[in-house]
């Protein structure tokens, strides 16, 4: 083997070795946990004996309102 062939082989081996190291680190890194949306409900007012409930999703800047006319202590 001549000097240039030796250097070329050494460089090729180093590139392959570094590539495998990056691939190995990439494959073993911990995966990110999926984000679950958290919803928020808040009673903001009353209307004719019913609660006006404001609902929002933390990922959207949109509010929904609905009336909750259940009697106290009553569950769904």
Protein backbone atom coordinates (compact mmCIF):
# COMPACT_ATOMS: atom_id res chain seq x y z
CA UNK A 1 0.00 0.00 0.00
CA UNK A 2 1.33 3.40 -0.89
CA UNK A 3 1.13 6.43 1.33
CA UNK A 4 -1.79 8.02 -0.55
CA UNK A 5 -3.81 4.77 -0.53
CA UNK A 6 -3.14 4.38 3.19
CA UNK A 7 -4.27 7.94 3.91
CA UNK A 8 -7.36 7.52 1.73
CA UNK A 9 -8.27 4.26 3.50
CA UNK A 10 -7.68 5.82 6.91
CA UNK A 11 -9.84 8.86 6.04
CA UNK A 12 -12.61 6.65 4.63
CA UNK A 13 -12.56 4.52 7.81
CA UNK A 14 -12.68 7.62 10.02
CA UNK A 15 -15.67 9.02 8.11
CA UNK A 16 -17.53 5.71 8.40
CA UNK A 17 -16.67 5.46 12.11
CA UNK A 18 -17.89 8.99 12.87
CA UNK A 19 -21.05 8.34 10.86
CA UNK A 20 -21.80 5.21 12.87
CA UNK A 21 -21.19 7.11 16.13
CA UNK A 22 -23.64 9.86 15.14
CA UNK A 23 -26.16 7.26 14.05
CA UNK A 24 -25.74 5.37 17.33
CA UNK A 25 -26.19 8.51 19.44
CA UNK A 26 -29.23 9.49 17.40
CA UNK A 27 -30.83 6.06 17.80
CA UNK A 28 -30.26 5.89 21.57
CA UNK A 29 -31.38 9.39 22.54
CA UNK A 30 -34.58 9.43 24.62
CA UNK A 31 -37.68 10.22 22.66
CA UNK A 32 -39.75 13.24 23.64
CA UNK A 33 -42.99 12.52 25.47
CA UNK A 34 -46.07 13.42 23.44
CA UNK A 35 -47.81 16.51 24.70
CA UNK A 36 -51.37 15.97 25.80
CA UNK A 37 -53.66 18.95 25.59
CA UNK A 38 -54.89 20.21 28.93
CA UNK A 39 -58.34 21.73 28.91
CA UNK A 40 -59.46 24.43 31.28
CA UNK A 41 -62.97 25.03 32.52
CA UNK A 42 -63.90 28.11 34.51
CA UNK A 43 -67.26 29.44 35.72
CA UNK A 44 -67.34 33.07 34.64
CA UNK A 45 -70.95 34.12 35.27
CA UNK A 46 -74.50 32.96 35.94
CA UNK A 47 -77.58 33.21 33.76
CA UNK A 48 -81.11 32.35 34.95
CA UNK A 49 -79.81 30.04 37.66
CA UNK A 50 -77.28 28.30 35.38
CA UNK A 51 -73.52 28.63 35.43
CA UNK A 52 -71.82 30.14 32.38
CA UNK A 53 -68.74 28.00 31.84
CA UNK A 54 -65.76 29.16 29.80
CA UNK A 55 -63.74 26.39 28.15
CA UNK A 56 -60.39 26.84 26.44
CA UNK A 57 -57.73 24.55 25.04
CA UNK A 58 -54.23 25.64 26.05
CA UNK A 59 -52.95 25.30 22.48
CA UNK A 60 -55.62 27.52 20.93
CA UNK A 61 -56.57 31.11 21.62
CA UNK A 62 -60.25 30.31 21.25
CA UNK A 63 -62.87 30.34 24.03
CA UNK A 64 -66.09 28.36 24.10
CA UNK A 65 -68.96 29.15 26.44
CA UNK A 66 -71.82 26.94 27.53
CA UNK A 67 -74.49 26.83 30.22
CA UNK A 68 -74.36 24.27 33.00
CA UNK A 69 -77.83 23.97 34.52
CA UNK A 70 -77.27 20.96 36.76
CA UNK A 71 -78.39 21.15 40.34
CA UNK A 72 -75.60 21.31 42.92
CA UNK A 73 -74.34 17.86 43.86
CA UNK A 74 -75.70 16.26 40.67
CA UNK A 75 -73.12 14.44 38.55
CA UNK A 76 -73.23 13.52 34.88
